[in-house]
N, C-alpha and C. Protein backbone atom coordinates (compact mmCIF):
# COMPACT_ATOMS: atom_id res chain seq x y z
N MET A 1 0.82 -1.19 0.00
CA MET A 1 0.00 0.00 0.00
C MET A 1 0.87 1.25 0.00
N TRP A 2 1.94 1.26 0.77
CA TRP A 2 2.80 2.45 0.81
C TRP A 2 3.42 2.73 -0.55
N PHE A 3 3.67 1.65 -1.35
CA PHE A 3 4.24 1.82 -2.68
C PHE A 3 3.27 2.56 -3.60
N VAL A 4 1.99 2.18 -3.53
CA VAL A 4 0.96 2.85 -4.33
C VAL A 4 0.88 4.32 -3.95
N ALA A 5 0.93 4.62 -2.67
CA ALA A 5 0.87 6.01 -2.21
C ALA A 5 2.07 6.80 -2.72
N MET A 6 3.25 6.18 -2.74
CA MET A 6 4.45 6.87 -3.24
C MET A 6 4.32 7.16 -4.74
N VAL A 7 3.82 6.19 -5.51
CA VAL A 7 3.67 6.38 -6.95
C VAL A 7 2.67 7.49 -7.24
N ILE A 8 1.53 7.46 -6.56
CA ILE A 8 0.52 8.50 -6.75
C ILE A 8 1.07 9.86 -6.34
N GLY A 9 1.78 9.91 -5.24
CA GLY A 9 2.38 11.16 -4.78
C GLY A 9 3.39 11.71 -5.77
N SER A 10 4.19 10.84 -6.37
CA SER A 10 5.18 11.32 -7.33
C SER A 10 4.52 11.78 -8.62
N LEU A 11 3.41 11.18 -9.01
CA LEU A 11 2.70 11.61 -10.21
C LEU A 11 2.06 12.97 -10.03
N ALA A 12 1.70 13.31 -8.82
CA ALA A 12 1.07 14.60 -8.56
C ALA A 12 2.01 15.75 -8.87
N SER A 13 3.31 15.51 -8.84
CA SER A 13 4.27 16.59 -9.10
C SER A 13 4.71 16.65 -10.56
N VAL A 14 4.23 15.72 -11.40
CA VAL A 14 4.59 15.74 -12.81
C VAL A 14 3.79 16.84 -13.51
N PRO A 15 4.47 17.73 -14.24
CA PRO A 15 3.70 18.78 -14.92
C PRO A 15 2.82 18.18 -16.01
N VAL A 16 1.63 18.74 -16.14
CA VAL A 16 0.68 18.28 -17.14
C VAL A 16 0.58 19.35 -18.22
N ALA A 17 0.73 18.95 -19.46
CA ALA A 17 0.63 19.89 -20.57
C ALA A 17 -0.84 20.11 -20.90
N HIS A 18 -1.19 21.35 -21.10
CA HIS A 18 -2.57 21.68 -21.44
C HIS A 18 -2.60 22.48 -22.73
N ALA A 19 -3.69 22.36 -23.44
CA ALA A 19 -3.88 23.19 -24.62
C ALA A 19 -4.06 24.63 -24.18
N THR A 20 -3.80 25.55 -25.06
CA THR A 20 -3.98 26.96 -24.74
C THR A 20 -5.42 27.35 -25.03
N PRO A 21 -6.11 27.89 -24.05
CA PRO A 21 -7.52 28.23 -24.26
C PRO A 21 -7.69 29.47 -25.12
N SER A 22 -8.83 29.55 -25.76
CA SER A 22 -9.16 30.75 -26.53
C SER A 22 -9.71 31.81 -25.59
N SER A 23 -9.69 33.06 -26.04
CA SER A 23 -10.29 34.15 -25.27
C SER A 23 -10.72 35.25 -26.23
N GLY A 24 -11.83 35.89 -25.93
CA GLY A 24 -12.29 37.01 -26.73
C GLY A 24 -12.78 36.63 -28.12
N ILE A 25 -13.26 35.40 -28.28
CA ILE A 25 -13.70 34.90 -29.58
C ILE A 25 -15.22 34.76 -29.59
N SER A 26 -15.84 35.21 -30.67
CA SER A 26 -17.25 34.90 -30.89
C SER A 26 -17.40 34.46 -32.34
N ALA A 27 -18.34 33.58 -32.58
CA ALA A 27 -18.53 33.05 -33.94
C ALA A 27 -20.01 32.85 -34.21
N VAL A 28 -20.38 33.14 -35.45
CA VAL A 28 -21.74 32.93 -35.91
C VAL A 28 -21.67 32.04 -37.15
N THR A 29 -22.38 30.92 -37.12
CA THR A 29 -22.43 30.04 -38.28
C THR A 29 -23.42 30.62 -39.29
N VAL A 30 -22.93 30.85 -40.50
CA VAL A 30 -23.76 31.42 -41.56
C VAL A 30 -24.51 30.32 -42.28
N ILE A 31 -23.79 29.26 -42.63
CA ILE A 31 -24.39 28.11 -43.31
C ILE A 31 -23.49 26.91 -43.10
N GLU A 32 -24.09 25.72 -43.10
CA GLU A 32 -23.31 24.50 -43.02
C GLU A 32 -24.07 23.36 -43.69
N GLY A 33 -23.30 22.38 -44.12
CA GLY A 33 -23.90 21.22 -44.76
C GLY A 33 -22.84 20.18 -45.05
N GLU A 34 -23.30 19.02 -45.49
CA GLU A 34 -22.38 17.93 -45.78
C GLU A 34 -22.35 17.65 -47.27
N ILE A 35 -21.14 17.42 -47.76
CA ILE A 35 -20.94 17.01 -49.14
C ILE A 35 -20.69 15.51 -49.09
N PRO A 36 -21.55 14.70 -49.68
CA PRO A 36 -21.42 13.25 -49.55
C PRO A 36 -20.15 12.71 -50.20
N ALA A 37 -19.71 11.59 -49.67
CA ALA A 37 -18.48 10.95 -50.14
C ALA A 37 -18.56 10.60 -51.62
N GLU A 38 -19.76 10.33 -52.15
CA GLU A 38 -19.88 9.99 -53.56
C GLU A 38 -19.39 11.12 -54.46
N LEU A 39 -19.49 12.36 -53.98
CA LEU A 39 -19.05 13.51 -54.77
C LEU A 39 -17.56 13.80 -54.59
N ILE A 40 -16.97 13.23 -53.54
CA ILE A 40 -15.54 13.46 -53.26
C ILE A 40 -14.90 12.10 -52.98
N PRO A 41 -14.55 11.35 -54.01
CA PRO A 41 -14.06 9.98 -53.82
C PRO A 41 -12.81 9.87 -52.93
N LEU A 42 -12.01 10.92 -52.87
CA LEU A 42 -10.79 10.86 -52.06
C LEU A 42 -11.08 10.95 -50.56
N LEU A 43 -12.28 11.36 -50.20
CA LEU A 43 -12.66 11.48 -48.79
C LEU A 43 -13.82 10.54 -48.51
N PRO A 44 -13.53 9.34 -48.04
CA PRO A 44 -14.58 8.33 -47.89
C PRO A 44 -15.70 8.69 -46.91
N LEU A 45 -15.46 9.66 -46.01
CA LEU A 45 -16.51 10.04 -45.07
C LEU A 45 -17.31 11.24 -45.56
N GLY A 46 -16.86 11.88 -46.62
CA GLY A 46 -17.50 13.11 -47.06
C GLY A 46 -16.92 14.30 -46.31
N VAL A 47 -17.46 15.48 -46.63
CA VAL A 47 -16.95 16.71 -46.04
C VAL A 47 -18.07 17.46 -45.34
N HIS A 48 -17.77 17.94 -44.16
CA HIS A 48 -18.66 18.84 -43.45
C HIS A 48 -18.17 20.26 -43.74
N ALA A 49 -18.93 21.02 -44.51
CA ALA A 49 -18.55 22.37 -44.89
C ALA A 49 -19.30 23.37 -44.03
N VAL A 50 -18.56 24.33 -43.48
CA VAL A 50 -19.15 25.33 -42.59
C VAL A 50 -18.60 26.70 -42.95
N VAL A 51 -19.50 27.67 -43.05
CA VAL A 51 -19.10 29.06 -43.24
C VAL A 51 -19.45 29.80 -41.94
N ARG A 52 -18.44 30.48 -41.38
CA ARG A 52 -18.64 31.20 -40.12
C ARG A 52 -18.07 32.61 -40.19
N GLU A 53 -18.70 33.50 -39.46
CA GLU A 53 -18.12 34.81 -39.22
C GLU A 53 -17.51 34.75 -37.82
N ILE A 54 -16.22 35.00 -37.73
CA ILE A 54 -15.51 34.93 -36.46
C ILE A 54 -15.02 36.32 -36.09
N THR A 55 -15.26 36.71 -34.86
CA THR A 55 -14.77 37.99 -34.36
C THR A 55 -13.80 37.72 -33.22
N ILE A 56 -12.62 38.35 -33.32
CA ILE A 56 -11.62 38.27 -32.25
C ILE A 56 -11.50 39.66 -31.65
N ALA A 57 -11.86 39.79 -30.39
CA ALA A 57 -11.81 41.07 -29.70
C ALA A 57 -10.36 41.51 -29.52
N PRO A 58 -10.12 42.81 -29.34
CA PRO A 58 -8.76 43.26 -29.05
C PRO A 58 -8.18 42.48 -27.86
N GLY A 59 -6.97 41.97 -28.03
CA GLY A 59 -6.34 41.15 -26.99
C GLY A 59 -6.77 39.70 -27.02
N GLY A 60 -7.70 39.34 -27.89
CA GLY A 60 -8.23 37.97 -27.95
C GLY A 60 -7.34 37.04 -28.75
N SER A 61 -7.59 35.74 -28.57
CA SER A 61 -6.79 34.71 -29.22
C SER A 61 -7.62 33.45 -29.40
N THR A 62 -7.33 32.73 -30.49
CA THR A 62 -7.99 31.44 -30.71
C THR A 62 -7.38 30.33 -29.87
N GLY A 63 -6.21 30.57 -29.31
CA GLY A 63 -5.45 29.50 -28.68
C GLY A 63 -4.83 28.65 -29.77
N TRP A 64 -3.82 27.87 -29.41
CA TRP A 64 -3.15 27.01 -30.39
C TRP A 64 -4.08 25.87 -30.77
N HIS A 65 -4.16 25.58 -32.07
CA HIS A 65 -5.04 24.52 -32.55
C HIS A 65 -4.61 24.09 -33.95
N TYR A 66 -5.28 23.08 -34.47
CA TYR A 66 -5.10 22.66 -35.86
C TYR A 66 -6.46 22.20 -36.38
N HIS A 67 -6.52 21.96 -37.68
CA HIS A 67 -7.76 21.53 -38.32
C HIS A 67 -7.54 20.19 -39.03
N ASP A 68 -8.58 19.37 -39.06
CA ASP A 68 -8.51 18.07 -39.75
C ASP A 68 -8.81 18.19 -41.24
N GLY A 69 -9.15 19.36 -41.68
CA GLY A 69 -9.39 19.65 -43.10
C GLY A 69 -8.95 21.07 -43.38
N PRO A 70 -8.85 21.44 -44.65
CA PRO A 70 -8.39 22.79 -44.97
C PRO A 70 -9.38 23.86 -44.54
N VAL A 71 -8.83 25.04 -44.28
CA VAL A 71 -9.63 26.20 -43.88
C VAL A 71 -9.21 27.38 -44.76
N PHE A 72 -10.20 28.12 -45.24
CA PHE A 72 -9.95 29.29 -46.06
C PHE A 72 -10.66 30.47 -45.43
N GLY A 73 -10.00 31.61 -45.39
CA GLY A 73 -10.62 32.75 -44.75
C GLY A 73 -10.32 34.06 -45.46
N PHE A 74 -11.09 35.06 -45.08
CA PHE A 74 -10.93 36.41 -45.58
C PHE A 74 -10.98 37.34 -44.38
N VAL A 75 -9.99 38.21 -44.27
CA VAL A 75 -9.95 39.17 -43.17
C VAL A 75 -10.80 40.37 -43.61
N ARG A 76 -11.96 40.48 -43.01
CA ARG A 76 -12.87 41.57 -43.38
C ARG A 76 -12.53 42.87 -42.67
N ALA A 77 -12.03 42.77 -41.43
CA ALA A 77 -11.68 43.97 -40.67
C ALA A 77 -10.57 43.63 -39.68
N GLY A 78 -9.73 44.62 -39.40
CA GLY A 78 -8.69 44.45 -38.39
C GLY A 78 -7.41 43.86 -38.95
N ILE A 79 -6.52 43.53 -38.02
CA ILE A 79 -5.21 42.95 -38.35
C ILE A 79 -5.07 41.66 -37.54
N LEU A 80 -4.88 40.55 -38.24
CA LEU A 80 -4.76 39.23 -37.61
C LEU A 80 -3.30 38.83 -37.53
N ASN A 81 -2.82 38.56 -36.32
CA ASN A 81 -1.50 37.97 -36.12
C ASN A 81 -1.70 36.46 -36.13
N HIS A 82 -0.90 35.74 -36.92
CA HIS A 82 -1.18 34.33 -37.17
C HIS A 82 0.10 33.48 -37.15
N PRO A 83 0.73 33.31 -35.97
CA PRO A 83 1.92 32.47 -35.94
C PRO A 83 1.57 31.00 -36.18
N GLY A 84 2.47 30.32 -36.87
CA GLY A 84 2.30 28.90 -37.15
C GLY A 84 3.24 28.06 -36.31
N PRO A 85 3.51 26.83 -36.73
CA PRO A 85 4.31 25.91 -35.91
C PRO A 85 5.74 26.38 -35.67
N ASP A 86 6.25 27.30 -36.49
CA ASP A 86 7.61 27.82 -36.27
C ASP A 86 7.59 29.14 -35.50
N CYS A 87 6.41 29.59 -35.09
CA CYS A 87 6.20 30.82 -34.32
C CYS A 87 6.59 32.09 -35.06
N ALA A 88 6.90 31.99 -36.34
CA ALA A 88 7.26 33.18 -37.11
C ALA A 88 6.04 34.11 -37.18
N PRO A 89 6.26 35.40 -37.03
CA PRO A 89 5.12 36.32 -37.08
C PRO A 89 4.58 36.44 -38.51
N VAL A 90 3.32 36.12 -38.68
CA VAL A 90 2.64 36.26 -39.96
C VAL A 90 1.44 37.17 -39.69
N VAL A 91 1.30 38.20 -40.49
CA VAL A 91 0.26 39.20 -40.26
C VAL A 91 -0.62 39.30 -41.50
N TYR A 92 -1.94 39.29 -41.28
CA TYR A 92 -2.92 39.46 -42.34
C TYR A 92 -3.72 40.72 -42.04
N HIS A 93 -3.90 41.56 -43.07
CA HIS A 93 -4.64 42.81 -42.93
C HIS A 93 -6.01 42.67 -43.59
N ALA A 94 -6.90 43.59 -43.25
CA ALA A 94 -8.22 43.62 -43.88
C ALA A 94 -8.06 43.58 -45.39
N GLY A 95 -8.86 42.72 -46.03
CA GLY A 95 -8.82 42.57 -47.47
C GLY A 95 -7.95 41.43 -47.94
N GLN A 96 -7.25 40.76 -47.05
CA GLN A 96 -6.38 39.65 -47.44
C GLN A 96 -7.05 38.31 -47.18
N PHE A 97 -6.66 37.33 -48.00
CA PHE A 97 -7.12 35.96 -47.84
C PHE A 97 -6.10 35.17 -47.04
N ILE A 98 -6.58 34.12 -46.38
CA ILE A 98 -5.72 33.25 -45.59
C ILE A 98 -6.10 31.81 -45.88
N GLU A 99 -5.10 30.96 -45.96
CA GLU A 99 -5.33 29.52 -46.15
C GLU A 99 -4.58 28.78 -45.05
N GLU A 100 -5.28 27.86 -44.40
CA GLU A 100 -4.66 27.06 -43.34
C GLU A 100 -4.67 25.59 -43.76
N PRO A 101 -3.49 25.00 -43.92
CA PRO A 101 -3.43 23.57 -44.24
C PRO A 101 -3.97 22.75 -43.06
N SER A 102 -4.27 21.51 -43.33
CA SER A 102 -4.80 20.64 -42.29
C SER A 102 -3.70 19.78 -41.68
N GLY A 103 -4.00 19.24 -40.51
CA GLY A 103 -3.13 18.25 -39.88
C GLY A 103 -2.41 18.75 -38.65
N THR A 104 -1.94 17.80 -37.87
CA THR A 104 -1.27 18.10 -36.61
C THR A 104 0.07 18.81 -36.81
N GLY A 105 0.63 18.74 -38.00
CA GLY A 105 1.89 19.42 -38.28
C GLY A 105 1.73 20.91 -38.51
N TYR A 106 0.49 21.39 -38.56
CA TYR A 106 0.27 22.81 -38.78
C TYR A 106 -0.55 23.40 -37.64
N VAL A 107 0.05 23.40 -36.44
CA VAL A 107 -0.59 24.09 -35.32
C VAL A 107 -0.39 25.58 -35.54
N HIS A 108 -1.35 26.35 -35.12
CA HIS A 108 -1.29 27.78 -35.31
C HIS A 108 -2.25 28.46 -34.34
N MET A 109 -2.17 29.78 -34.33
CA MET A 109 -3.03 30.55 -33.44
C MET A 109 -3.39 31.85 -34.16
N GLY A 110 -4.58 32.32 -33.93
CA GLY A 110 -4.99 33.64 -34.42
C GLY A 110 -5.07 34.58 -33.24
N GLN A 111 -4.44 35.74 -33.38
CA GLN A 111 -4.42 36.71 -32.29
C GLN A 111 -4.81 38.09 -32.81
N ASN A 112 -5.44 38.85 -31.95
CA ASN A 112 -5.71 40.25 -32.24
C ASN A 112 -4.87 41.07 -31.27
N LEU A 113 -3.77 41.61 -31.77
CA LEU A 113 -2.89 42.43 -30.94
C LEU A 113 -3.22 43.91 -31.07
N GLY A 114 -4.25 44.22 -31.88
CA GLY A 114 -4.62 45.61 -32.13
C GLY A 114 -5.69 46.12 -31.17
N THR A 115 -6.25 47.27 -31.52
CA THR A 115 -7.26 47.91 -30.68
C THR A 115 -8.66 47.81 -31.26
N GLN A 116 -8.78 47.29 -32.49
CA GLN A 116 -10.08 47.12 -33.16
C GLN A 116 -10.35 45.62 -33.31
N PRO A 117 -11.63 45.22 -33.33
CA PRO A 117 -11.93 43.80 -33.54
C PRO A 117 -11.41 43.30 -34.89
N VAL A 118 -11.00 42.04 -34.92
CA VAL A 118 -10.68 41.34 -36.16
C VAL A 118 -11.94 40.58 -36.55
N ILE A 119 -12.38 40.76 -37.78
CA ILE A 119 -13.56 40.03 -38.26
C ILE A 119 -13.12 39.18 -39.45
N LEU A 120 -13.38 37.89 -39.36
CA LEU A 120 -12.98 36.93 -40.38
C LEU A 120 -14.21 36.23 -40.95
N ASP A 121 -14.20 36.01 -42.26
CA ASP A 121 -15.18 35.13 -42.90
C ASP A 121 -14.41 33.86 -43.23
N VAL A 122 -14.84 32.73 -42.68
CA VAL A 122 -14.06 31.50 -42.74
C VAL A 122 -14.89 30.35 -43.29
N VAL A 123 -14.26 29.55 -44.16
CA VAL A 123 -14.87 28.33 -44.69
C VAL A 123 -14.06 27.14 -44.21
N TYR A 124 -14.70 26.24 -43.49
CA TYR A 124 -14.07 25.00 -43.02
C TYR A 124 -14.52 23.87 -43.93
N ALA A 125 -13.60 22.96 -44.25
CA ALA A 125 -13.93 21.77 -45.03
C ALA A 125 -13.31 20.57 -44.31
N VAL A 126 -13.98 20.12 -43.25
CA VAL A 126 -13.44 19.04 -42.43
C VAL A 126 -14.15 17.72 -42.75
N PRO A 127 -13.46 16.60 -42.54
CA PRO A 127 -14.13 15.32 -42.73
C PRO A 127 -15.36 15.20 -41.83
N VAL A 128 -16.39 14.56 -42.34
CA VAL A 128 -17.60 14.35 -41.56
C VAL A 128 -17.24 13.65 -40.25
N GLY A 129 -17.78 14.13 -39.16
CA GLY A 129 -17.53 13.54 -37.85
C GLY A 129 -16.38 14.18 -37.09
N LYS A 130 -15.62 15.05 -37.74
CA LYS A 130 -14.51 15.73 -37.07
C LYS A 130 -14.94 17.12 -36.62
N PRO A 131 -14.34 17.64 -35.54
CA PRO A 131 -14.67 19.00 -35.11
C PRO A 131 -14.06 20.03 -36.06
N LEU A 132 -14.50 21.27 -35.95
CA LEU A 132 -13.95 22.32 -36.79
C LEU A 132 -12.48 22.60 -36.46
N LEU A 133 -12.12 22.40 -35.21
CA LEU A 133 -10.73 22.58 -34.80
C LEU A 133 -10.42 21.65 -33.65
N GLU A 134 -9.14 21.37 -33.51
CA GLU A 134 -8.66 20.51 -32.41
C GLU A 134 -7.67 21.33 -31.59
N ASP A 135 -7.90 21.42 -30.28
CA ASP A 135 -6.95 22.11 -29.41
C ASP A 135 -5.59 21.45 -29.51
N ALA A 136 -4.54 22.26 -29.38
CA ALA A 136 -3.17 21.74 -29.45
C ALA A 136 -2.30 22.43 -28.42
N LEU A 137 -1.22 21.78 -28.10
CA LEU A 137 -0.24 22.39 -27.22
C LEU A 137 0.52 23.45 -28.02
N ALA A 138 0.96 24.48 -27.33
CA ALA A 138 1.78 25.49 -27.97
C ALA A 138 3.10 24.84 -28.40
N PRO A 139 3.63 25.20 -29.57
CA PRO A 139 4.93 24.65 -29.97
C PRO A 139 6.03 25.11 -29.02
N ALA A 140 7.14 24.42 -29.02
CA ALA A 140 8.24 24.73 -28.10
C ALA A 140 8.74 26.15 -28.27
N CYS A 141 8.60 26.71 -29.46
CA CYS A 141 9.12 28.06 -29.71
C CYS A 141 8.21 29.15 -29.14
N ALA A 142 7.00 28.79 -28.74
CA ALA A 142 6.05 29.81 -28.26
C ALA A 142 6.36 30.27 -26.85
């Protein structure tokens, strides 16, 4: 019994990695639907397509995440800071398009470091049954 207590006690001091939470984000779904697999033979489950308007308040962040399918967006207002897995600063201004590749190798975060809201029009094309985004740990460079 004392051995079990020692093991549990030692595990309590092990740091636990957590995903970075989002803050200051609001989203409105404009339209969504499924494209059946028969129309997209390369994707046996089909695609869940979603169009959303996303607002990031000043100081807000999506938190680190990735997508299981490609994402395409348009910056309608504000300035979006968008570091990727290498933490290099990438900035998108109003009027610019953004493309986010899919997969765990492309973790990224959207941030609003400005004083005005960032407004994005975003199209998600994720496999049916997958969430629009998956929380991820911040890369080591963050």
